[in-house]
N, C-alpha and C. Protein backbone atom coordinates (compact mmCIF):
# COMPACT_ATOMS: atom_id res chain seq x y z
N UNK A 1 18.48 -80.21 -29.02
CA UNK A 1 18.91 -81.31 -29.84
C UNK A 1 19.14 -82.54 -28.95
N UNK A 2 18.68 -83.69 -29.43
CA UNK A 2 18.83 -84.93 -28.68
C UNK A 2 20.19 -85.54 -28.95
N UNK A 3 20.86 -85.99 -27.86
CA UNK A 3 22.15 -86.67 -28.00
C UNK A 3 21.94 -88.06 -28.58
N UNK A 4 22.87 -88.48 -29.42
CA UNK A 4 22.77 -89.83 -29.97
C UNK A 4 23.19 -90.84 -28.90
N UNK A 5 22.61 -92.02 -28.98
CA UNK A 5 22.92 -93.08 -28.04
C UNK A 5 24.24 -93.74 -28.45
N UNK A 6 25.21 -93.67 -27.62
CA UNK A 6 26.48 -94.37 -27.86
C UNK A 6 26.31 -95.82 -27.42
N UNK A 7 27.02 -96.71 -28.06
CA UNK A 7 26.95 -98.13 -27.70
C UNK A 7 27.55 -98.34 -26.32
N UNK A 8 26.84 -99.07 -25.49
CA UNK A 8 27.31 -99.39 -24.15
C UNK A 8 27.84 -100.81 -24.15
N UNK A 9 29.08 -100.97 -23.74
CA UNK A 9 29.70 -102.28 -23.58
C UNK A 9 29.74 -102.57 -22.08
N UNK A 10 29.44 -103.80 -21.69
CA UNK A 10 29.50 -104.17 -20.27
C UNK A 10 30.45 -105.35 -20.12
N UNK A 11 31.24 -105.29 -19.06
CA UNK A 11 32.17 -106.38 -18.75
C UNK A 11 32.12 -106.67 -17.25
N UNK A 12 32.58 -107.84 -16.90
CA UNK A 12 32.64 -108.25 -15.49
C UNK A 12 34.09 -108.29 -15.07
N UNK A 13 34.40 -107.61 -13.96
CA UNK A 13 35.75 -107.63 -13.41
C UNK A 13 35.69 -108.36 -12.07
N UNK A 14 36.12 -109.62 -12.07
CA UNK A 14 36.03 -110.43 -10.86
C UNK A 14 37.00 -109.97 -9.77
N UNK A 15 38.06 -109.28 -10.15
CA UNK A 15 39.03 -108.79 -9.17
C UNK A 15 38.41 -107.70 -8.29
N UNK A 16 37.68 -106.78 -8.91
CA UNK A 16 37.07 -105.67 -8.16
C UNK A 16 35.62 -105.95 -7.78
N UNK A 17 35.07 -107.09 -8.24
CA UNK A 17 33.67 -107.44 -8.03
C UNK A 17 32.73 -106.37 -8.57
N UNK A 18 33.00 -105.96 -9.81
CA UNK A 18 32.19 -104.96 -10.48
C UNK A 18 31.78 -105.42 -11.87
N UNK A 19 30.56 -105.10 -12.23
CA UNK A 19 30.18 -105.09 -13.64
C UNK A 19 30.42 -103.65 -14.06
N UNK A 20 31.12 -103.44 -15.15
CA UNK A 20 31.47 -102.10 -15.58
C UNK A 20 30.84 -101.80 -16.94
N UNK A 21 30.27 -100.61 -17.07
CA UNK A 21 29.72 -100.14 -18.34
C UNK A 21 30.72 -99.18 -18.96
N UNK A 22 31.00 -99.40 -20.24
CA UNK A 22 31.96 -98.56 -20.96
C UNK A 22 31.30 -97.95 -22.19
N UNK A 23 31.64 -96.71 -22.45
CA UNK A 23 31.28 -96.04 -23.70
C UNK A 23 32.58 -95.53 -24.29
N UNK A 24 32.83 -95.91 -25.52
CA UNK A 24 34.08 -95.54 -26.20
C UNK A 24 35.31 -95.89 -25.37
N UNK A 25 35.27 -97.05 -24.69
CA UNK A 25 36.41 -97.52 -23.92
C UNK A 25 36.56 -96.90 -22.54
N UNK A 26 35.70 -95.97 -22.18
CA UNK A 26 35.76 -95.27 -20.89
C UNK A 26 34.70 -95.83 -19.95
N UNK A 27 35.10 -96.20 -18.72
CA UNK A 27 34.13 -96.68 -17.73
C UNK A 27 33.24 -95.51 -17.30
N UNK A 28 31.92 -95.69 -17.49
CA UNK A 28 30.97 -94.63 -17.16
C UNK A 28 29.96 -95.06 -16.10
N UNK A 29 30.03 -96.34 -15.70
CA UNK A 29 29.11 -96.82 -14.68
C UNK A 29 29.53 -98.17 -14.17
N UNK A 30 28.99 -98.54 -13.02
CA UNK A 30 29.34 -99.84 -12.44
C UNK A 30 28.19 -100.37 -11.60
N UNK A 31 28.20 -101.67 -11.42
CA UNK A 31 27.26 -102.37 -10.54
C UNK A 31 28.10 -103.30 -9.68
N UNK A 32 28.06 -103.08 -8.38
CA UNK A 32 28.84 -103.86 -7.44
C UNK A 32 28.11 -105.16 -7.10
N UNK A 33 28.87 -106.22 -6.97
CA UNK A 33 28.29 -107.49 -6.53
C UNK A 33 29.17 -108.12 -5.47
N UNK A 34 28.56 -108.96 -4.67
CA UNK A 34 29.27 -109.73 -3.65
C UNK A 34 28.90 -111.20 -3.84
N UNK A 35 29.84 -112.08 -3.55
CA UNK A 35 29.56 -113.51 -3.61
C UNK A 35 29.85 -114.10 -2.24
N UNK A 36 28.83 -114.72 -1.65
CA UNK A 36 28.97 -115.32 -0.33
C UNK A 36 28.31 -116.70 -0.36
N UNK A 37 29.09 -117.71 -0.07
CA UNK A 37 28.54 -119.06 -0.03
C UNK A 37 27.92 -119.50 -1.35
N UNK A 38 28.47 -119.05 -2.45
CA UNK A 38 27.95 -119.42 -3.76
C UNK A 38 26.78 -118.59 -4.23
N UNK A 39 26.32 -117.67 -3.42
CA UNK A 39 25.19 -116.81 -3.78
C UNK A 39 25.73 -115.43 -4.16
N UNK A 40 25.21 -114.88 -5.25
CA UNK A 40 25.61 -113.56 -5.72
C UNK A 40 24.56 -112.54 -5.28
N UNK A 41 25.03 -111.41 -4.77
CA UNK A 41 24.15 -110.31 -4.40
C UNK A 41 24.56 -109.07 -5.18
N UNK A 42 23.60 -108.43 -5.83
CA UNK A 42 23.83 -107.18 -6.55
C UNK A 42 23.52 -106.05 -5.58
N UNK A 43 24.55 -105.26 -5.24
CA UNK A 43 24.41 -104.36 -4.10
C UNK A 43 24.27 -102.88 -4.41
N UNK A 44 24.94 -102.38 -5.44
CA UNK A 44 24.91 -100.93 -5.66
C UNK A 44 25.31 -100.61 -7.09
N UNK A 45 24.59 -99.68 -7.70
CA UNK A 45 24.95 -99.25 -9.05
C UNK A 45 25.24 -97.75 -9.05
N UNK A 46 26.09 -97.35 -9.98
CA UNK A 46 26.43 -95.94 -10.14
C UNK A 46 26.70 -95.66 -11.62
N UNK A 47 26.17 -94.54 -12.11
CA UNK A 47 26.45 -94.08 -13.47
C UNK A 47 26.88 -92.62 -13.38
N UNK A 48 27.97 -92.28 -14.08
CA UNK A 48 28.44 -90.89 -14.12
C UNK A 48 27.29 -89.97 -14.53
N UNK A 49 27.23 -88.82 -13.90
CA UNK A 49 26.14 -87.86 -14.11
C UNK A 49 25.87 -87.59 -15.59
N UNK A 50 26.90 -87.36 -16.37
CA UNK A 50 26.71 -86.98 -17.77
C UNK A 50 26.24 -88.14 -18.66
N UNK A 51 26.21 -89.36 -18.12
CA UNK A 51 25.77 -90.52 -18.91
C UNK A 51 24.47 -91.11 -18.40
N UNK A 52 23.82 -90.45 -17.46
CA UNK A 52 22.55 -90.95 -16.94
C UNK A 52 21.43 -90.75 -17.95
N UNK A 53 20.40 -91.56 -17.84
CA UNK A 53 19.22 -91.51 -18.71
C UNK A 53 19.57 -91.84 -20.15
N UNK A 54 20.58 -92.67 -20.34
CA UNK A 54 21.00 -93.09 -21.68
C UNK A 54 21.08 -94.60 -21.80
N UNK A 55 20.49 -95.33 -20.83
CA UNK A 55 20.45 -96.78 -20.90
C UNK A 55 21.63 -97.49 -20.28
N UNK A 56 22.54 -96.75 -19.66
CA UNK A 56 23.74 -97.36 -19.09
C UNK A 56 23.39 -98.28 -17.92
N UNK A 57 22.59 -97.80 -16.99
CA UNK A 57 22.23 -98.62 -15.82
C UNK A 57 21.41 -99.83 -16.24
N UNK A 58 20.54 -99.66 -17.22
CA UNK A 58 19.75 -100.79 -17.72
C UNK A 58 20.65 -101.84 -18.36
N UNK A 59 21.67 -101.40 -19.09
CA UNK A 59 22.62 -102.33 -19.70
C UNK A 59 23.37 -103.10 -18.61
N UNK A 60 23.77 -102.41 -17.55
CA UNK A 60 24.44 -103.07 -16.43
C UNK A 60 23.53 -104.11 -15.78
N UNK A 61 22.28 -103.71 -15.49
CA UNK A 61 21.34 -104.62 -14.84
C UNK A 61 21.08 -105.85 -15.71
N UNK A 62 20.83 -105.64 -16.99
CA UNK A 62 20.54 -106.75 -17.89
C UNK A 62 21.73 -107.72 -17.96
N UNK A 63 22.94 -107.19 -18.12
CA UNK A 63 24.14 -108.02 -18.22
C UNK A 63 24.34 -108.82 -16.92
N UNK A 64 24.22 -108.15 -15.78
CA UNK A 64 24.41 -108.82 -14.49
C UNK A 64 23.36 -109.90 -14.28
N UNK A 65 22.11 -109.61 -14.60
CA UNK A 65 21.06 -110.61 -14.43
C UNK A 65 21.26 -111.80 -15.34
N UNK A 66 21.70 -111.56 -16.56
CA UNK A 66 22.02 -112.67 -17.47
C UNK A 66 23.16 -113.51 -16.89
N UNK A 67 24.16 -112.84 -16.34
CA UNK A 67 25.31 -113.53 -15.77
C UNK A 67 24.92 -114.37 -14.55
N UNK A 68 24.23 -113.77 -13.61
CA UNK A 68 23.91 -114.48 -12.36
C UNK A 68 22.80 -115.51 -12.56
N UNK A 69 22.01 -115.38 -13.61
CA UNK A 69 20.94 -116.36 -13.82
C UNK A 69 21.50 -117.73 -14.19
N UNK A 70 22.78 -117.79 -14.54
CA UNK A 70 23.41 -119.07 -14.85
C UNK A 70 23.71 -119.87 -13.58
N UNK A 71 23.61 -119.21 -12.42
CA UNK A 71 23.84 -119.87 -11.14
C UNK A 71 22.61 -120.72 -10.79
N UNK A 72 22.82 -121.69 -9.92
CA UNK A 72 21.70 -122.53 -9.50
C UNK A 72 20.91 -121.92 -8.35
N UNK A 73 21.38 -120.82 -7.78
CA UNK A 73 20.65 -120.14 -6.72
C UNK A 73 20.16 -118.79 -7.22
N UNK A 74 19.17 -118.27 -6.55
CA UNK A 74 18.67 -116.95 -6.91
C UNK A 74 19.67 -115.88 -6.48
N UNK A 75 19.76 -114.82 -7.26
CA UNK A 75 20.62 -113.69 -6.90
C UNK A 75 19.87 -112.82 -5.90
N UNK A 76 20.61 -112.29 -4.93
CA UNK A 76 20.03 -111.33 -4.00
C UNK A 76 20.14 -109.94 -4.61
N UNK A 77 19.08 -109.16 -4.52
CA UNK A 77 19.10 -107.80 -5.06
C UNK A 77 18.92 -106.82 -3.92
N UNK A 78 19.95 -106.00 -3.72
CA UNK A 78 19.92 -104.95 -2.70
C UNK A 78 20.02 -103.58 -3.35
N UNK A 79 20.26 -103.55 -4.65
CA UNK A 79 20.38 -102.31 -5.41
C UNK A 79 18.99 -101.86 -5.85
N UNK A 80 18.63 -100.66 -5.49
CA UNK A 80 17.31 -100.13 -5.84
C UNK A 80 17.05 -100.08 -7.33
N UNK A 81 18.06 -99.69 -8.11
CA UNK A 81 17.84 -99.62 -9.55
C UNK A 81 17.58 -100.99 -10.14
N UNK A 82 18.35 -102.00 -9.72
CA UNK A 82 18.15 -103.34 -10.25
C UNK A 82 16.77 -103.87 -9.83
N UNK A 83 16.35 -103.56 -8.62
CA UNK A 83 15.00 -103.96 -8.18
C UNK A 83 13.94 -103.32 -9.08
N UNK A 84 14.11 -102.04 -9.40
CA UNK A 84 13.19 -101.37 -10.31
C UNK A 84 13.23 -102.00 -11.70
N UNK A 85 14.41 -102.35 -12.16
CA UNK A 85 14.58 -102.99 -13.46
C UNK A 85 13.82 -104.32 -13.51
N UNK A 86 13.94 -105.11 -12.44
CA UNK A 86 13.23 -106.39 -12.38
C UNK A 86 11.72 -106.16 -12.36
N UNK A 87 11.26 -105.15 -11.66
CA UNK A 87 9.83 -104.83 -11.65
C UNK A 87 9.34 -104.50 -13.07
N UNK A 88 10.15 -103.82 -13.84
CA UNK A 88 9.79 -103.44 -15.22
C UNK A 88 10.01 -104.58 -16.21
N UNK A 89 10.78 -105.59 -15.84
CA UNK A 89 11.11 -106.72 -16.71
C UNK A 89 10.82 -108.02 -15.93
N UNK A 90 9.56 -108.38 -15.81
CA UNK A 90 9.18 -109.50 -14.94
C UNK A 90 9.77 -110.85 -15.32
N UNK A 91 10.37 -110.95 -16.49
CA UNK A 91 11.01 -112.22 -16.86
C UNK A 91 12.17 -112.56 -15.92
N UNK A 92 12.65 -111.59 -15.15
CA UNK A 92 13.76 -111.83 -14.22
C UNK A 92 13.30 -112.16 -12.80
N UNK A 93 12.02 -112.05 -12.51
CA UNK A 93 11.54 -112.22 -11.13
C UNK A 93 11.88 -113.58 -10.52
N UNK A 94 11.87 -114.63 -11.33
CA UNK A 94 12.17 -115.96 -10.79
C UNK A 94 13.66 -116.18 -10.55
N UNK A 95 14.51 -115.29 -11.07
CA UNK A 95 15.96 -115.45 -10.94
C UNK A 95 16.53 -114.71 -9.73
N UNK A 96 15.69 -113.90 -9.04
CA UNK A 96 16.21 -113.05 -7.97
C UNK A 96 15.34 -113.08 -6.73
N UNK A 97 15.95 -112.72 -5.61
CA UNK A 97 15.25 -112.40 -4.37
C UNK A 97 15.54 -110.93 -4.11
N UNK A 98 14.50 -110.13 -4.01
CA UNK A 98 14.69 -108.71 -3.77
C UNK A 98 14.51 -108.43 -2.29
N UNK A 99 15.53 -107.87 -1.65
CA UNK A 99 15.48 -107.52 -0.24
C UNK A 99 15.01 -106.07 -0.14
N UNK A 100 13.72 -105.88 -0.07
CA UNK A 100 13.15 -104.53 -0.09
C UNK A 100 13.50 -103.71 1.15
N UNK A 101 13.74 -104.36 2.27
CA UNK A 101 14.05 -103.61 3.49
C UNK A 101 15.43 -102.97 3.42
N UNK A 102 16.29 -103.44 2.51
CA UNK A 102 17.65 -102.90 2.40
C UNK A 102 17.79 -101.90 1.26
N UNK A 103 16.71 -101.62 0.52
CA UNK A 103 16.80 -100.73 -0.63
C UNK A 103 16.86 -99.27 -0.22
N UNK A 104 17.55 -98.48 -1.02
CA UNK A 104 17.50 -97.04 -0.83
C UNK A 104 16.20 -96.54 -1.46
N UNK A 105 15.88 -95.30 -1.27
CA UNK A 105 14.57 -94.77 -1.67
C UNK A 105 14.45 -94.54 -3.18
N UNK A 106 14.46 -95.62 -3.93
CA UNK A 106 14.17 -95.55 -5.36
C UNK A 106 12.68 -95.78 -5.51
N UNK A 107 12.20 -95.86 -6.74
CA UNK A 107 10.78 -96.06 -6.98
C UNK A 107 10.27 -97.30 -6.25
N UNK A 108 10.96 -98.42 -6.32
CA UNK A 108 10.50 -99.65 -5.70
C UNK A 108 10.41 -99.51 -4.19
N UNK A 109 11.42 -98.91 -3.58
CA UNK A 109 11.41 -98.74 -2.14
C UNK A 109 10.27 -97.82 -1.70
N UNK A 110 10.04 -96.74 -2.45
CA UNK A 110 8.95 -95.83 -2.10
C UNK A 110 7.61 -96.52 -2.24
N UNK A 111 7.39 -97.29 -3.31
CA UNK A 111 6.13 -97.98 -3.52
C UNK A 111 5.88 -99.00 -2.42
N UNK A 112 6.91 -99.70 -1.99
CA UNK A 112 6.78 -100.71 -0.96
C UNK A 112 6.43 -100.10 0.40
N UNK A 113 6.99 -98.94 0.69
CA UNK A 113 6.77 -98.31 2.00
C UNK A 113 5.63 -97.30 2.00
N UNK A 114 4.91 -97.14 0.92
CA UNK A 114 3.89 -96.09 0.84
C UNK A 114 2.72 -96.32 1.78
N UNK A 115 2.49 -97.57 2.20
CA UNK A 115 1.37 -97.87 3.09
C UNK A 115 1.67 -97.61 4.54
N UNK A 116 2.84 -97.12 4.88
CA UNK A 116 3.20 -96.94 6.29
C UNK A 116 2.91 -95.55 6.76
C-alpha cells in the first residue's frame, strides 16, 4: 500500500541558519545555509529516514531557491541534492553558482567526475 503524501511546510530560521521542513508540525528535514559578504550558500540538506522519497528535500530546495533568488547575487550551491534539483529544474540555473568540486557523491557529482 502506498503512503499518502502529507503536506510539507517549510520555514526559514535565521537564528540557526536552517530552512526547516515540517510535517504535522514536526521538523523532518533541513537545509543549512551560510551568509558571507551578502552571498548565500546552500551547504547541506538532511531528511529523516522515514520521510525520504516523499518530496521533503524538493520542498526545501524549492523554498530556499525562491528565497535566495530575491538577492542580487547568485546563491552558491554546495549541497549535492540542491545541485541535482537545479539540474532537474533548469529555471533555477541563472540564480545559482554550483561548486561541483565541493559536492558529495550525489548524481550530479558522479556525472561530473565520470570522465576521470
